[in-house]
Amino acid sequence: MPSKVLTINIRRYLVKQPRGRRIRKASRYLRERIAHYTKTDLDKVRISRELNNLVVKYYSIKMKPVKVSVNIDAGIATASPFEAIQAKTTEMKALGTEKGKERGMTQQQKPQQKPAKTG
C-alpha cells in the first residue's frame, strides 16, 4: 500500500490526563489513532525513534496536532514524522533572508517611515 499522511490531534486526549502521565500516554494514544486510521491491529503499528522523541519532547507538552507519514508494508504500519513541512519552513526562511540581502538590509534593520506632513 502507498504511504499516507495523517494529522492527529492529541490535545483532545491529553487535556484529560494528569500532567505527570501525559508524556507516557502520548505515544500510546498516537499508536491507537494510527491503528484506527489504517485499520490494522495495535500490535502491528511501529513508531520510529524520531517520531517518539518529537512526541515526548514537544507534542506532549504543547499538545499541537502531530503530522505523521505512515508506510504500510506486509500489514505492518511504520509511522515517522512528516518532514515535508519542516523542509518547507526552512526553505521559506532561507528565501526570506536572501530577499533581505538583495535589498541591502539585515534582519535587524527595518525600513524607516517618512514623517507625515502636517499643514
N, C-alpha and C. Protein backbone atom coordinates (compact mmCIF):
# COMPACT_ATOMS: atom_id res chain seq x y z
N MET A 1 0.84 -1.19 0.00
CA MET A 1 0.00 0.00 0.00
C MET A 1 0.88 1.24 0.00
N PRO A 2 0.38 2.31 -0.54
CA PRO A 2 1.16 3.54 -0.52
C PRO A 2 1.17 4.16 0.87
N SER A 3 2.02 5.15 1.02
CA SER A 3 2.10 5.83 2.31
C SER A 3 0.96 6.84 2.45
N LYS A 4 0.58 7.10 3.68
CA LYS A 4 -0.47 8.06 3.99
C LYS A 4 0.11 9.15 4.86
N VAL A 5 -0.49 10.32 4.77
CA VAL A 5 -0.13 11.42 5.66
C VAL A 5 -1.33 11.67 6.55
N LEU A 6 -1.11 11.58 7.86
CA LEU A 6 -2.17 11.75 8.83
C LEU A 6 -1.87 12.92 9.74
N THR A 7 -2.89 13.65 10.12
CA THR A 7 -2.76 14.68 11.13
C THR A 7 -3.59 14.23 12.32
N ILE A 8 -2.93 14.03 13.44
CA ILE A 8 -3.60 13.51 14.63
C ILE A 8 -3.59 14.58 15.71
N ASN A 9 -4.78 14.93 16.19
CA ASN A 9 -4.90 15.93 17.23
C ASN A 9 -4.83 15.22 18.58
N ILE A 10 -3.73 15.40 19.30
CA ILE A 10 -3.57 14.72 20.58
C ILE A 10 -4.10 15.56 21.73
N ARG A 11 -4.49 16.78 21.48
CA ARG A 11 -4.97 17.65 22.54
C ARG A 11 -6.25 17.11 23.18
N ARG A 12 -7.14 16.59 22.38
CA ARG A 12 -8.42 16.09 22.90
C ARG A 12 -8.21 15.03 23.97
N TYR A 13 -7.20 14.23 23.80
CA TYR A 13 -6.94 13.15 24.75
C TYR A 13 -6.08 13.63 25.91
N LEU A 14 -5.01 14.37 25.63
CA LEU A 14 -4.05 14.70 26.67
C LEU A 14 -4.56 15.74 27.66
N VAL A 15 -5.51 16.56 27.28
CA VAL A 15 -6.04 17.56 28.21
C VAL A 15 -6.71 16.86 29.40
N LYS A 16 -7.28 15.69 29.15
CA LYS A 16 -8.00 14.96 30.19
C LYS A 16 -7.07 14.15 31.09
N GLN A 17 -5.78 14.06 30.74
CA GLN A 17 -4.84 13.25 31.50
C GLN A 17 -4.11 14.11 32.53
N PRO A 18 -3.69 13.51 33.65
CA PRO A 18 -2.88 14.24 34.62
C PRO A 18 -1.55 14.65 33.99
N ARG A 19 -1.00 15.78 34.40
CA ARG A 19 0.22 16.28 33.78
C ARG A 19 1.39 15.32 33.89
N GLY A 20 1.48 14.62 34.98
CA GLY A 20 2.58 13.69 35.18
C GLY A 20 2.54 12.49 34.26
N ARG A 21 1.39 12.17 33.70
CA ARG A 21 1.26 11.00 32.86
C ARG A 21 1.13 11.32 31.37
N ARG A 22 1.12 12.57 31.02
CA ARG A 22 0.92 12.95 29.62
C ARG A 22 2.02 12.43 28.71
N ILE A 23 3.25 12.51 29.15
CA ILE A 23 4.36 12.08 28.31
C ILE A 23 4.26 10.59 28.04
N ARG A 24 3.92 9.80 29.06
CA ARG A 24 3.83 8.36 28.89
C ARG A 24 2.66 7.97 28.00
N LYS A 25 1.57 8.71 28.09
CA LYS A 25 0.36 8.33 27.37
C LYS A 25 0.30 8.89 25.95
N ALA A 26 1.14 9.85 25.61
CA ALA A 26 1.09 10.48 24.29
C ALA A 26 1.43 9.49 23.18
N SER A 27 2.50 8.72 23.35
CA SER A 27 2.91 7.76 22.32
C SER A 27 1.89 6.65 22.18
N ARG A 28 1.32 6.22 23.28
CA ARG A 28 0.31 5.16 23.24
C ARG A 28 -0.93 5.62 22.47
N TYR A 29 -1.36 6.85 22.73
CA TYR A 29 -2.52 7.40 22.02
C TYR A 29 -2.23 7.52 20.53
N LEU A 30 -1.03 7.94 20.20
CA LEU A 30 -0.64 8.07 18.79
C LEU A 30 -0.71 6.71 18.09
N ARG A 31 -0.24 5.66 18.74
CA ARG A 31 -0.33 4.31 18.17
C ARG A 31 -1.77 3.88 17.97
N GLU A 32 -2.63 4.20 18.94
CA GLU A 32 -4.04 3.83 18.83
C GLU A 32 -4.71 4.51 17.65
N ARG A 33 -4.44 5.81 17.47
CA ARG A 33 -5.05 6.55 16.37
C ARG A 33 -4.54 6.06 15.02
N ILE A 34 -3.26 5.76 14.91
CA ILE A 34 -2.70 5.24 13.65
C ILE A 34 -3.32 3.88 13.32
N ALA A 35 -3.48 3.03 14.33
CA ALA A 35 -4.11 1.73 14.11
C ALA A 35 -5.56 1.91 13.66
N HIS A 36 -6.25 2.89 14.21
CA HIS A 36 -7.63 3.15 13.83
C HIS A 36 -7.73 3.63 12.39
N TYR A 37 -6.89 4.59 12.01
CA TYR A 37 -6.96 5.17 10.66
C TYR A 37 -6.51 4.18 9.58
N THR A 38 -5.52 3.36 9.89
CA THR A 38 -5.02 2.41 8.89
C THR A 38 -5.73 1.07 8.94
N LYS A 39 -6.63 0.89 9.91
CA LYS A 39 -7.41 -0.33 10.08
C LYS A 39 -6.51 -1.55 10.25
N THR A 40 -5.50 -1.42 11.10
CA THR A 40 -4.62 -2.52 11.45
C THR A 40 -4.71 -2.77 12.94
N ASP A 41 -4.11 -3.86 13.39
CA ASP A 41 -4.07 -4.16 14.82
C ASP A 41 -3.07 -3.24 15.51
N LEU A 42 -3.29 -3.04 16.80
CA LEU A 42 -2.42 -2.16 17.58
C LEU A 42 -1.00 -2.70 17.67
N ASP A 43 -0.85 -4.02 17.73
CA ASP A 43 0.48 -4.60 17.84
C ASP A 43 1.26 -4.58 16.52
N LYS A 44 0.61 -4.19 15.42
CA LYS A 44 1.28 -4.11 14.12
C LYS A 44 1.66 -2.67 13.75
N VAL A 45 1.54 -1.76 14.68
CA VAL A 45 1.91 -0.36 14.45
C VAL A 45 3.27 -0.12 15.08
N ARG A 46 4.20 0.38 14.30
CA ARG A 46 5.55 0.71 14.79
C ARG A 46 5.76 2.21 14.67
N ILE A 47 6.29 2.81 15.70
CA ILE A 47 6.58 4.25 15.71
C ILE A 47 8.10 4.41 15.66
N SER A 48 8.58 5.23 14.75
CA SER A 48 10.02 5.42 14.62
C SER A 48 10.57 6.17 15.82
N ARG A 49 11.86 6.06 16.01
CA ARG A 49 12.52 6.70 17.15
C ARG A 49 12.41 8.22 17.07
N GLU A 50 12.52 8.77 15.86
CA GLU A 50 12.43 10.23 15.70
C GLU A 50 11.05 10.75 16.09
N LEU A 51 10.01 10.03 15.66
CA LEU A 51 8.65 10.44 15.99
C LEU A 51 8.40 10.34 17.48
N ASN A 52 8.88 9.28 18.10
CA ASN A 52 8.70 9.13 19.54
C ASN A 52 9.40 10.26 20.30
N ASN A 53 10.61 10.61 19.88
CA ASN A 53 11.32 11.71 20.54
C ASN A 53 10.59 13.03 20.37
N LEU A 54 10.04 13.28 19.17
CA LEU A 54 9.28 14.51 18.96
C LEU A 54 8.04 14.56 19.84
N VAL A 55 7.35 13.44 19.94
CA VAL A 55 6.13 13.39 20.75
C VAL A 55 6.45 13.63 22.21
N VAL A 56 7.49 12.98 22.70
CA VAL A 56 7.84 13.11 24.12
C VAL A 56 8.35 14.50 24.44
N LYS A 57 9.20 15.06 23.59
CA LYS A 57 9.81 16.35 23.89
C LYS A 57 8.91 17.53 23.61
N TYR A 58 8.12 17.47 22.54
CA TYR A 58 7.41 18.67 22.09
C TYR A 58 5.89 18.53 22.14
N TYR A 59 5.36 17.53 21.50
CA TYR A 59 3.91 17.46 21.32
C TYR A 59 3.15 17.12 22.59
N SER A 60 3.76 16.38 23.52
CA SER A 60 3.05 16.06 24.75
C SER A 60 2.95 17.28 25.66
N ILE A 61 3.82 18.25 25.49
CA ILE A 61 3.78 19.46 26.31
C ILE A 61 2.93 20.53 25.63
N LYS A 62 3.17 20.79 24.35
CA LYS A 62 2.44 21.83 23.62
C LYS A 62 1.06 21.38 23.18
N MET A 63 0.88 20.06 23.00
CA MET A 63 -0.38 19.45 22.61
C MET A 63 -0.93 19.99 21.29
N LYS A 64 -0.04 20.18 20.33
CA LYS A 64 -0.46 20.59 18.99
C LYS A 64 -0.71 19.35 18.14
N PRO A 65 -1.43 19.47 17.03
CA PRO A 65 -1.63 18.32 16.17
C PRO A 65 -0.31 17.80 15.61
N VAL A 66 -0.19 16.49 15.52
CA VAL A 66 1.01 15.82 15.04
C VAL A 66 0.78 15.40 13.60
N LYS A 67 1.69 15.77 12.71
CA LYS A 67 1.59 15.35 11.32
C LYS A 67 2.54 14.17 11.11
N VAL A 68 1.98 13.06 10.62
CA VAL A 68 2.69 11.79 10.57
C VAL A 68 2.58 11.21 9.17
N SER A 69 3.67 10.62 8.67
CA SER A 69 3.59 9.85 7.44
C SER A 69 3.66 8.37 7.81
N VAL A 70 2.74 7.57 7.28
CA VAL A 70 2.62 6.17 7.63
C VAL A 70 2.85 5.33 6.39
N ASN A 71 3.79 4.39 6.46
CA ASN A 71 4.04 3.43 5.38
C ASN A 71 3.51 2.08 5.83
N ILE A 72 2.74 1.44 4.97
CA ILE A 72 2.17 0.14 5.31
C ILE A 72 2.78 -0.90 4.38
N ASP A 73 3.55 -1.82 4.96
CA ASP A 73 4.17 -2.91 4.21
C ASP A 73 3.89 -4.22 4.92
N ALA A 74 3.31 -5.17 4.22
CA ALA A 74 3.02 -6.51 4.73
C ALA A 74 2.19 -6.46 6.00
N GLY A 75 1.26 -5.53 6.07
CA GLY A 75 0.36 -5.43 7.21
C GLY A 75 0.93 -4.73 8.42
N ILE A 76 2.17 -4.25 8.36
CA ILE A 76 2.79 -3.54 9.47
C ILE A 76 2.88 -2.06 9.10
N ALA A 77 2.31 -1.22 9.94
CA ALA A 77 2.31 0.22 9.70
C ALA A 77 3.48 0.84 10.44
N THR A 78 4.36 1.53 9.72
CA THR A 78 5.51 2.19 10.31
C THR A 78 5.30 3.70 10.21
N ALA A 79 5.27 4.37 11.35
CA ALA A 79 5.00 5.80 11.38
C ALA A 79 6.28 6.57 11.63
N SER A 80 6.43 7.68 10.91
CA SER A 80 7.57 8.57 11.09
C SER A 80 7.07 10.00 10.94
N PRO A 81 7.82 10.99 11.44
CA PRO A 81 7.35 12.38 11.30
C PRO A 81 7.30 12.80 9.85
N PHE A 82 6.31 13.60 9.52
CA PHE A 82 6.15 14.11 8.16
C PHE A 82 7.13 15.25 7.99
N GLU A 83 8.12 15.09 7.14
CA GLU A 83 9.22 16.04 7.06
C GLU A 83 9.08 17.06 5.95
N ALA A 84 8.06 16.95 5.11
CA ALA A 84 7.90 17.93 4.04
C ALA A 84 7.60 19.30 4.63
N ILE A 85 6.90 19.36 5.73
CA ILE A 85 6.58 20.65 6.36
C ILE A 85 7.84 21.28 6.91
N GLN A 86 8.69 20.48 7.57
CA GLN A 86 9.93 21.02 8.11
C GLN A 86 10.84 21.53 7.00
N ALA A 87 10.93 20.80 5.90
CA ALA A 87 11.75 21.22 4.78
C ALA A 87 11.20 22.51 4.16
N LYS A 88 9.88 22.62 4.09
CA LYS A 88 9.25 23.79 3.50
C LYS A 88 9.50 25.02 4.36
N THR A 89 9.41 24.89 5.68
CA THR A 89 9.62 26.05 6.55
C THR A 89 11.07 26.52 6.50
N THR A 90 12.03 25.59 6.46
CA THR A 90 13.42 26.01 6.38
C THR A 90 13.70 26.66 5.02
N GLU A 91 13.04 26.17 3.97
CA GLU A 91 13.21 26.77 2.65
C GLU A 91 12.65 28.19 2.62
N MET A 92 11.50 28.39 3.25
CA MET A 92 10.90 29.72 3.29
C MET A 92 11.77 30.68 4.09
N LYS A 93 12.36 30.22 5.18
CA LYS A 93 13.24 31.07 5.98
C LYS A 93 14.47 31.46 5.17
N ALA A 94 15.00 30.52 4.40
CA ALA A 94 16.17 30.81 3.58
C ALA A 94 15.82 31.83 2.50
N LEU A 95 14.65 31.70 1.91
CA LEU A 95 14.24 32.67 0.90
C LEU A 95 14.06 34.05 1.50
N GLY A 96 13.53 34.11 2.70
CA GLY A 96 13.31 35.39 3.36
C GLY A 96 14.61 36.11 3.64
N THR A 97 15.65 35.41 4.06
CA THR A 97 16.92 36.05 4.33
C THR A 97 17.61 36.47 3.04
N GLU A 98 17.43 35.70 1.96
CA GLU A 98 18.03 36.08 0.68
C GLU A 98 17.39 37.35 0.13
N LYS A 99 16.09 37.50 0.27
CA LYS A 99 15.42 38.70 -0.21
C LYS A 99 15.90 39.92 0.56
N GLY A 100 16.12 39.75 1.86
CA GLY A 100 16.62 40.86 2.66
C GLY A 100 18.02 41.27 2.25
N LYS A 101 18.85 40.31 1.90
CA LYS A 101 20.22 40.62 1.47
C LYS A 101 20.21 41.32 0.12
N GLU A 102 19.27 40.94 -0.75
CA GLU A 102 19.18 41.58 -2.05
C GLU A 102 18.81 43.06 -1.91
N ARG A 103 18.00 43.37 -0.94
CA ARG A 103 17.60 44.76 -0.73
C ARG A 103 18.65 45.56 0.02
N GLY A 104 19.68 44.87 0.52
CA GLY A 104 20.72 45.57 1.25
C GLY A 104 20.37 45.77 2.71
N MET A 105 19.47 44.97 3.24
CA MET A 105 19.07 45.10 4.63
C MET A 105 19.44 43.82 5.38
N THR A 106 19.67 43.97 6.66
CA THR A 106 19.80 42.80 7.52
C THR A 106 18.48 42.60 8.24
N GLN A 107 18.41 41.55 9.02
CA GLN A 107 17.14 41.28 9.70
C GLN A 107 16.85 42.30 10.79
N GLN A 108 17.91 42.91 11.38
CA GLN A 108 17.67 43.89 12.43
C GLN A 108 17.20 45.22 11.84
N GLN A 109 17.64 45.53 10.64
CA GLN A 109 17.27 46.81 10.03
C GLN A 109 15.85 46.75 9.51
N LYS A 110 15.14 47.80 9.72
CA LYS A 110 13.78 47.90 9.19
C LYS A 110 13.70 49.18 8.37
N PRO A 111 12.92 49.17 7.33
CA PRO A 111 12.78 50.40 6.56
C PRO A 111 12.12 51.48 7.42
N GLN A 112 12.68 52.69 7.33
CA GLN A 112 12.15 53.78 8.14
C GLN A 112 11.01 54.46 7.40
N GLN A 113 10.01 54.85 8.17
CA GLN A 113 8.86 55.50 7.60
C GLN A 113 9.12 57.00 7.52
N LYS A 114 8.58 57.62 6.49
CA LYS A 114 8.71 59.05 6.35
C LYS A 114 7.74 59.73 7.29
N PRO A 115 8.13 60.82 7.90
CA PRO A 115 7.21 61.51 8.80
C PRO A 115 6.06 62.12 7.99
N ALA A 116 4.89 62.09 8.59
CA ALA A 116 3.71 62.64 7.91
C ALA A 116 3.77 64.16 7.90
N LYS A 117 3.38 64.75 6.77
CA LYS A 117 3.39 66.20 6.66
C LYS A 117 2.14 66.77 7.31
N THR A 118 2.33 67.76 8.11
CA THR A 118 1.21 68.44 8.73
C THR A 118 1.12 69.83 8.14
N GLY A 119 -0.04 70.25 7.97
CA GLY A 119 -0.09 71.61 7.46
C GLY A 119 -1.30 72.01 6.80
